[in-house]
C-alpha atoms as a PDB file:
ATOM      1  CA  UNK A   1      53.265-123.656   2.655  1.00  0.00           C
ATOM      2  CA  UNK A   2      53.776-124.216  -0.789  1.00  0.00           C
ATOM      3  CA  UNK A   3      55.026-127.036  -2.913  1.00  0.00           C
ATOM      4  CA  UNK A   4      56.683-125.860  -6.341  1.00  0.00           C
ATOM      5  CA  UNK A   5      57.749-128.764  -8.398  1.00  0.00           C
ATOM      6  CA  UNK A   6      59.535-128.038 -11.727  1.00  0.00           C
ATOM      7  CA  UNK A   7      61.545-129.625 -14.335  1.00  0.00           C
ATOM      8  CA  UNK A   8      64.703-128.530 -15.847  1.00  0.00           C
ATOM      9  CA  UNK A   9      65.243-129.866 -19.469  1.00  0.00           C
ATOM     10  CA  UNK A  10      62.567-132.206 -18.634  1.00  0.00           C
ATOM     11  CA  UNK A  11      58.962-132.550 -18.351  1.00  0.00           C
ATOM     12  CA  UNK A  12      57.252-133.727 -15.169  1.00  0.00           C
ATOM     13  CA  UNK A  13      54.131-135.925 -15.334  1.00  0.00           C
ATOM     14  CA  UNK A  14      51.368-135.146 -12.915  1.00  0.00           C
ATOM     15  CA  UNK A  15      51.733-138.398 -11.600  1.00  0.00           C
ATOM     16  CA  UNK A  16      55.076-137.814 -10.202  1.00  0.00           C
ATOM     17  CA  UNK A  17      53.688-134.247  -8.687  1.00  0.00           C
ATOM     18  CA  UNK A  18      51.216-136.414  -6.553  1.00  0.00           C
ATOM     19  CA  UNK A  19      53.909-138.316  -5.412  1.00  0.00           C
ATOM     20  CA  UNK A  20      55.958-135.386  -4.319  1.00  0.00           C
ATOM     21  CA  UNK A  21      53.062-134.259  -2.390  1.00  0.00           C
ATOM     22  CA  UNK A  22      52.553-137.926  -0.671  1.00  0.00           C
ATOM     23  CA  UNK A  23      55.878-138.436   0.053  1.00  0.00           C
ATOM     24  CA  UNK A  24      57.074-134.894   1.731  1.00  0.00           C
ATOM     25  CA  UNK A  25      54.488-134.633   4.024  1.00  0.00           C
ATOM     26  CA  UNK A  26      53.656-130.865   5.409  1.00  0.00           C
ATOM     27  CA  UNK A  27      52.816-132.004   8.946  1.00  0.00           C
ATOM     28  CA  UNK A  28      55.830-133.457   9.622  1.00  0.00           C
ATOM     29  CA  UNK A  29      58.098-130.764   7.762  1.00  0.00           C
ATOM     30  CA  UNK A  30      56.303-127.894   9.972  1.00  0.00           C
ATOM     31  CA  UNK A  31      56.343-129.797  13.103  1.00  0.00           C
ATOM     32  CA  UNK A  32      60.217-129.995  12.666  1.00  0.00           C
ATOM     33  CA  UNK A  33      60.401-126.524  11.366  1.00  0.00           C
ATOM     34  CA  UNK A  34      57.177-124.187  12.194  1.00  0.00           C
ATOM     35  CA  UNK A  35      58.597-121.476  10.153  1.00  0.00           C
ATOM     36  CA  UNK A  36      58.980-123.104   6.463  1.00  0.00           C
ATOM     37  CA  UNK A  37      57.657-120.233   3.631  1.00  0.00           C
ATOM     38  CA  UNK A  38      57.784-122.874   0.362  1.00  0.00           C
ATOM     39  CA  UNK A  39      59.653-126.153  -0.475  1.00  0.00           C
ATOM     40  CA  UNK A  40      60.806-126.478  -4.046  1.00  0.00           C
ATOM     41  CA  UNK A  41      61.237-129.783  -5.899  1.00  0.00           C
ATOM     42  CA  UNK A  42      63.802-129.616  -9.202  1.00  0.00           C
ATOM     43  CA  UNK A  43      63.550-132.856 -11.360  1.00  0.00           C
ATOM     44  CA  UNK A  44      66.755-133.078 -13.641  1.00  0.00           C
ATOM     45  CA  UNK A  45      67.650-135.440 -16.221  1.00  0.00           C
ATOM     46  CA  UNK A  46      71.080-136.527 -17.521  1.00  0.00           C
ATOM     47  CA  UNK A  47      71.233-137.604 -21.118  1.00  0.00           C
ATOM     48  CA  UNK A  48      74.800-139.189 -20.733  1.00  0.00           C
ATOM     49  CA  UNK A  49      73.760-143.219 -21.137  1.00  0.00           C
ATOM     50  CA  UNK A  50      76.994-144.093 -19.036  1.00  0.00           C
ATOM     51  CA  UNK A  51      75.388-142.866 -15.904  1.00  0.00           C
ATOM     52  CA  UNK A  52      72.187-144.561 -16.636  1.00  0.00           C
ATOM     53  CA  UNK A  53      72.180-145.504 -12.923  1.00  0.00           C
ATOM     54  CA  UNK A  54      72.090-141.897 -11.586  1.00  0.00           C
ATOM     55  CA  UNK A  55      70.252-140.345 -14.847  1.00  0.00           C
ATOM     56  CA  UNK A  56      67.507-138.737 -12.790  1.00  0.00           C
ATOM     57  CA  UNK A  57      68.522-135.916 -10.312  1.00  0.00           C
ATOM     58  CA  UNK A  58      66.034-134.565  -7.578  1.00  0.00           C
ATOM     59  CA  UNK A  59      66.817-131.277  -5.596  1.00  0.00           C
ATOM     60  CA  UNK A  60      64.679-130.166  -2.635  1.00  0.00           C
ATOM     61  CA  UNK A  61      64.894-126.542  -1.326  1.00  0.00           C
ATOM     62  CA  UNK A  62      63.394-125.582   1.755  1.00  0.00           C
ATOM     63  CA  UNK A  63      63.023-121.734   1.947  1.00  0.00           C
ATOM     64  CA  UNK A  64      62.112-120.658   5.592  1.00  0.00           C
ATOM     65  CA  UNK A  65      62.743-117.470   7.903  1.00  0.00           C
ATOM     66  CA  UNK A  66      65.870-119.201   9.090  1.00  0.00           C
ATOM     67  CA  UNK A  67      68.905-120.782   7.050  1.00  0.00           C
ATOM     68  CA  UNK A  68      67.935-122.549   3.317  1.00  0.00           C
ATOM     69  CA  UNK A  69      68.033-126.129   3.654  1.00  0.00           C
ATOM     70  CA  UNK A  70      68.573-128.194   0.523  1.00  0.00           C
ATOM     71  CA  UNK A  71      68.939-131.637  -0.096  1.00  0.00           C
ATOM     72  CA  UNK A  72      69.346-133.545  -3.571  1.00  0.00           C
ATOM     73  CA  UNK A  73      70.054-137.084  -4.835  1.00  0.00           C
ATOM     74  CA  UNK A  74      70.180-139.017  -8.049  1.00  0.00           C
ATOM     75  CA  UNK A  75      68.914-142.593  -9.060  1.00  0.00           C
ATOM     76  CA  UNK A  76      68.125-144.643 -11.889  1.00  0.00           C
ATOM     77  CA  UNK A  77      64.449-143.218 -11.785  1.00  0.00           C
ATOM     78  CA  UNK A  78      62.626-139.640 -10.540  1.00  0.00           C
ATOM     79  CA  UNK A  79      60.962-141.470  -7.566  1.00  0.00           C
ATOM     80  CA  UNK A  80      63.591-143.449  -6.342  1.00  0.00           C
ATOM     81  CA  UNK A  81      65.776-140.190  -6.261  1.00  0.00           C
ATOM     82  CA  UNK A  82      62.880-138.273  -4.416  1.00  0.00           C
ATOM     83  CA  UNK A  83      62.764-140.920  -1.902  1.00  0.00           C
ATOM     84  CA  UNK A  84      66.576-140.611  -1.422  1.00  0.00           C
ATOM     85  CA  UNK A  85      66.839-136.452  -1.073  1.00  0.00           C
ATOM     86  CA  UNK A  86      63.257-136.608   1.065  1.00  0.00           C
ATOM     87  CA  UNK A  87      65.170-138.922   3.665  1.00  0.00           C
ATOM     88  CA  UNK A  88      68.355-136.465   3.410  1.00  0.00           C
ATOM     89  CA  UNK A  89      65.958-133.386   4.169  1.00  0.00           C
ATOM     90  CA  UNK A  90      63.922-134.976   7.050  1.00  0.00           C
ATOM     91  CA  UNK A  91      67.520-136.014   8.562  1.00  0.00           C
ATOM     92  CA  UNK A  92      68.945-132.173   8.314  1.00  0.00           C
ATOM     93  CA  UNK A  93      65.412-131.081   9.652  1.00  0.00           C
ATOM     94  CA  UNK A  94      65.798-133.372  12.766  1.00  0.00           C
ATOM     95  CA  UNK A  95      69.382-132.059  13.033  1.00  0.00           C
ATOM     96  CA  UNK A  96      68.278-128.274  12.801  1.00  0.00           C
ATOM     97  CA  UNK A  97      65.213-128.953  14.963  1.00  0.00           C
ATOM     98  CA  UNK A  98      67.228-130.589  18.015  1.00  0.00           C
ATOM     99  CA  UNK A  99      69.954-128.144  18.103  1.00  0.00           C
ATOM    100  CA  UNK A 100      67.153-125.303  18.151  1.00  0.00           C
ATOM    101  CA  UNK A 101      65.663-127.460  21.393  1.00  0.00           C
ATOM    102  CA  UNK A 102      69.243-127.803  23.118  1.00  0.00           C
ATOM    103  CA  UNK A 103      69.753-123.928  22.962  1.00  0.00           C
ATOM    104  CA  UNK A 104      66.296-123.500  23.968  1.00  0.00           C
ATOM    105  CA  UNK A 105      66.873-126.046  26.950  1.00  0.00           C
ATOM    106  CA  UNK A 106      69.694-124.436  28.263  1.00  0.00           C
ATOM    107  CA  UNK A 107      69.212-122.196  31.534  1.00  0.00           C
ATOM    108  CA  UNK A 108      71.140-120.800  34.346  1.00  0.00           C
ATOM    109  CA  UNK A 109      70.789-123.020  37.240  1.00  0.00           C
ATOM    110  CA  UNK A 110      70.518-121.902  40.889  1.00  0.00           C
ATOM    111  CA  UNK A 111      73.578-122.343  43.667  1.00  0.00           C
ATOM    112  CA  UNK A 112      71.182-125.113  45.199  1.00  0.00           C
ATOM    113  CA  UNK A 113      71.063-127.020  42.079  1.00  0.00           C
ATOM    114  CA  UNK A 114      75.070-126.902  41.542  1.00  0.00           C
ATOM    115  CA  UNK A 115      75.517-130.185  43.390  1.00  0.00           C
ATOM    116  CA  UNK A 116      72.956-132.364  40.728  1.00  0.00           C
ATOM    117  CA  UNK A 117      75.055-130.907  37.575  1.00  0.00           C
ATOM    118  CA  UNK A 118      78.430-130.460  38.785  1.00  0.00           C
ATOM    119  CA  UNK A 119      80.284-133.713  39.859  1.00  0.00           C
ATOM    120  CA  UNK A 120      82.018-132.921  43.153  1.00  0.00           C
ATOM    121  CA  UNK A 121      80.754-129.859  44.110  1.00  0.00           C
ATOM    122  CA  UNK A 122      79.727-128.789  47.646  1.00  0.00           C
ATOM    123  CA  UNK A 123      76.318-129.421  48.755  1.00  0.00           C
ATOM    124  CA  UNK A 124      74.489-126.422  50.755  1.00  0.00           C
ATOM    125  CA  UNK A 125      71.894-125.992  52.825  1.00  0.00           C
ATOM    126  CA  UNK A 126      68.670-123.563  53.043  1.00  0.00           C
ATOM    127  CA  UNK A 127      70.627-120.824  54.639  1.00  0.00           C
ATOM    128  CA  UNK A 128      73.642-120.987  51.874  1.00  0.00           C
ATOM    129  CA  UNK A 129      76.103-122.906  54.240  1.00  0.00           C
ATOM    130  CA  UNK A 130      78.083-125.785  53.121  1.00  0.00           C
ATOM    131  CA  UNK A 131      77.161-129.049  53.991  1.00  0.00           C
ATOM    132  CA  UNK A 132      80.176-131.264  55.430  1.00  0.00           C
ATOM    133  CA  UNK A 133      79.620-135.017  54.148  1.00  0.00           C
ATOM    134  CA  UNK A 134      80.470-137.637  56.490  1.00  0.00           C
ATOM    135  CA  UNK A 135      83.718-139.434  56.074  1.00  0.00           C
ATOM    136  CA  UNK A 136      82.867-142.947  54.461  1.00  0.00           C
ATOM    137  CA  UNK A 137      83.502-146.061  56.702  1.00  0.00           C
ATOM    138  CA  UNK A 138      87.107-148.121  56.290  1.00  0.00           C
ATOM    139  CA  UNK A 139      86.765-150.649  53.626  1.00  0.00           C
ATOM    140  CA  UNK A 140      87.287-154.159  55.089  1.00  0.00           C
ATOM    141  CA  UNK A 141      90.096-156.239  53.631  1.00  0.00           C
ATOM    142  CA  UNK A 142      90.130-160.022  53.692  1.00  0.00           C
ATOM    143  CA  UNK A 143      92.590-162.546  52.950  1.00  0.00           C
ATOM    144  CA  UNK A 144      91.884-164.740  49.640  1.00  0.00           C
ATOM    145  CA  UNK A 145      94.634-167.247  49.321  1.00  0.00           C
ATOM    146  CA  UNK A 146      97.758-165.607  49.716  1.00  0.00           C
ATOM    147  CA  UNK A 147      96.251-162.132  48.462  1.00  0.00           C
ATOM    148  CA  UNK A 148      94.578-159.200  50.183  1.00  0.00           C
ATOM    149  CA  UNK A 149      91.013-158.024  48.505  1.00  0.00           C
ATOM    150  CA  UNK A 150      89.589-155.041  50.308  1.00  0.00           C
ATOM    151  CA  UNK A 151      85.633-155.086  49.939  1.00  0.00           C
ATOM    152  CA  UNK A 152      83.873-157.271  47.682  1.00  0.00           C
ATOM    153  CA  UNK A 153      86.562-157.173  44.881  1.00  0.00           C
ATOM    154  CA  UNK A 154      86.773-157.299  41.859  1.00  0.00           C
ATOM    155  CA  UNK A 155      89.619-159.475  42.194  1.00  0.00           C
ATOM    156  CA  UNK A 156      88.341-163.260  42.064  1.00  0.00           C
ATOM    157  CA  UNK A 157      90.630-165.708  42.754  1.00  0.00           C
ATOM    158  CA  UNK A 158      89.907-169.795  42.222  1.00  0.00           C
ATOM    159  CA  UNK A 159      92.430-171.857  43.725  1.00  0.00           C
ATOM    160  CA  UNK A 160      92.720-175.695  43.124  1.00  0.00           C
ATOM    161  CA  UNK A 161      95.075-178.412  44.514  1.00  0.00           C
ATOM    162  CA  UNK A 162      95.800-181.494  42.711  1.00  0.00           C
ATOM    163  CA  UNK A 163      97.589-184.824  44.001  1.00  0.00           C
ATOM    164  CA  UNK A 164      99.448-185.485  41.196  1.00  0.00           C
ATOM    165  CA  UNK A 165     102.602-188.548  40.651  1.00  0.00           C
ATOM    166  CA  UNK A 166     105.763-187.629  38.950  1.00  0.00           C
ATOM    167  CA  UNK A 167     105.301-188.325  35.018  1.00  0.00           C
ATOM    168  CA  UNK A 168     107.412-188.633  31.596  1.00  0.00           C
ATOM    169  CA  UNK A 169     106.567-185.965  29.255  1.00  0.00           C
ATOM    170  CA  UNK A 170     104.789-188.315  26.908  1.00  0.00           C
ATOM    171  CA  UNK A 171     102.600-189.120  29.547  1.00  0.00           C
ATOM    172  CA  UNK A 172     102.118-185.494  30.415  1.00  0.00           C
ATOM    173  CA  UNK A 173     100.823-184.905  26.655  1.00  0.00           C
ATOM    174  CA  UNK A 174      98.465-187.840  26.583  1.00  0.00           C
ATOM    175  CA  UNK A 175      97.081-186.439  29.841  1.00  0.00           C
ATOM    176  CA  UNK A 176      96.432-183.092  28.130  1.00  0.00           C
ATOM    177  CA  UNK A 177      95.016-184.655  24.954  1.00  0.00           C
ATOM    178  CA  UNK A 178      92.661-186.843  27.328  1.00  0.00           C
ATOM    179  CA  UNK A 179      91.271-183.775  29.538  1.00  0.00           C
ATOM    180  CA  UNK A 180      91.197-181.632  26.218  1.00  0.00           C
ATOM    181  CA  UNK A 181      93.106-178.737  27.615  1.00  0.00           C
ATOM    182  CA  UNK A 182      95.602-176.460  25.634  1.00  0.00           C
ATOM    183  CA  UNK A 183      98.066-176.788  28.642  1.00  0.00           C
ATOM    184  CA  UNK A 184      98.845-179.376  31.516  1.00  0.00           C
ATOM    185  CA  UNK A 185     100.830-178.802  34.501  1.00  0.00           C
ATOM    186  CA  UNK A 186     102.839-182.136  35.973  1.00  0.00           C
ATOM    187  CA  UNK A 187     105.956-183.021  38.015  1.00  0.00           C
ATOM    188  CA  UNK A 188     108.725-184.176  35.727  1.00  0.00           C
ATOM    189  CA  UNK A 189     109.891-188.006  36.689  1.00  0.00           C
ATOM    190  CA  UNK A 190     113.320-187.164  35.542  1.00  0.00           C
ATOM    191  CA  UNK A 191     113.910-183.540  37.435  1.00  0.00           C
ATOM    192  CA  UNK A 192     111.273-183.825  40.142  1.00  0.00           C
ATOM    193  CA  UNK A 193     110.220-180.330  39.054  1.00  0.00           C
ATOM    194  CA  UNK A 194     106.925-178.849  37.892  1.00  0.00           C
ATOM    195  CA  UNK A 195     106.769-178.598  34.221  1.00  0.00           C
ATOM    196  CA  UNK A 196     104.159-177.208  32.088  1.00  0.00           C
ATOM    197  CA  UNK A 197     103.042-178.707  28.465  1.00  0.00           C
ATOM    198  CA  UNK A 198     100.964-176.859  26.197  1.00  0.00           C
ATOM    199  CA  UNK A 199      99.640-177.102  22.521  1.00  0.00           C
ATOM    200  CA  UNK A 200     101.047-174.436  19.809  1.00  0.00           C
ATOM    201  CA  UNK A 201      99.659-174.879  16.396  1.00  0.00           C
ATOM    202  CA  UNK A 202      97.912-178.008  15.211  1.00  0.00           C
ATOM    203  CA  UNK A 203      99.968-181.153  16.801  1.00  0.00           C
ATOM    204  CA  UNK A 204     102.881-178.848  17.653  1.00  0.00           C
ATOM    205  CA  UNK A 205     103.610-178.644  21.462  1.00  0.00           C
ATOM    206  CA  UNK A 206     106.130-176.944  24.028  1.00  0.00           C
ATOM    207  CA  UNK A 207     107.260-177.258  27.337  1.00  0.00           C
ATOM    208  CA  UNK A 208     108.411-175.120  30.199  1.00  0.00           C
ATOM    209  CA  UNK A 209     110.456-176.792  33.054  1.00  0.00           C
ATOM    210  CA  UNK A 210     110.242-174.783  36.125  1.00  0.00           C
ATOM    211  CA  UNK A 211     113.916-175.140  38.224  1.00  0.00           C
ATOM    212  CA  UNK A 212     114.369-173.803  41.714  1.00  0.00           C
ATOM    213  CA  UNK A 213     118.085-171.600  42.177  1.00  0.00           C
ATOM    214  CA  UNK A 214     119.193-172.271  46.030  1.00  0.00           C
ATOM    215  CA  UNK A 215     121.005-169.363  45.884  1.00  0.00           C
ATOM    216  CA  UNK A 216     117.736-167.133  44.974  1.00  0.00           C
ATOM    217  CA  UNK A 217     115.515-168.741  47.238  1.00  0.00           C
ATOM    218  CA  UNK A 218     118.033-168.222  50.042  1.00  0.00           C
ATOM    219  CA  UNK A 219     118.364-164.861  49.076  1.00  0.00           C
ATOM    220  CA  UNK A 220     114.779-164.259  49.675  1.00  0.00           C
ATOM    221  CA  UNK A 221     114.269-165.887  52.799  1.00  0.00           C
ATOM    222  CA  UNK A 222     117.190-164.357  54.418  1.00  0.00           C
ATOM    223  CA  UNK A 223     115.514-161.251  56.637  1.00  0.00           C
ATOM    224  CA  UNK A 224     116.057-157.718  55.401  1.00  0.00           C
ATOM    225  CA  UNK A 225     118.518-155.686  57.312  1.00  0.00           C
ATOM    226  CA  UNK A 226     119.773-158.310  59.714  1.00  0.00           C
ATOM    227  CA  UNK A 227     122.979-157.711  61.540  1.00  0.00           C
ATOM    228  CA  UNK A 228     126.506-158.981  60.156  1.00  0.00           C
ATOM    229  CA  UNK A 229     127.804-161.772  62.535  1.00  0.00           C
ATOM    230  CA  UNK A 230     131.722-161.052  63.898  1.00  0.00           C
END
């Protein structure tokens, strides 16, 4: 494979030609594409001073028995542009190589291998008959607190019980700051009902009071479908 370096409206120094040969390693390129015929490197320069950061452009064209692959880049000097263009060329070569490898690797599978490649497919024995799998055993159910959990979870319940004396709202805020939590559950000394104080923004707090409706509690405790008394 030959590497042809040429300049378009600019001279190409011998030092740059040697750098091209060192940067574009033929062994690596031929390993990714064994049908490469030639490699053209064209260097051009933009005379506009406003585009000084992109004044030097390098275009690499790879000719092979397959499709032509081209990569180009611009930078403030030809060496940096060559490095960028070479990286792009290698990435495109690897993409083409992986695509060819995937196509070659594809093959027809036998009936005995279907179960290994197709999820949920029936398993066949040596005679081609369907192998019936045994029904899975019943999953054990256990009770955690007031909840029923099948198997080992994934539900994890952690229960804590605290003995608390009724306190005022100011005392609850003090206790929350003392333990360093964002909320604190307490029994209100005035209403004798459970309440929660919580931190909102900065030193702004909120409080939630929970009250019990006797009518709702009575309706929930009544047996469903009970006979009406006369």
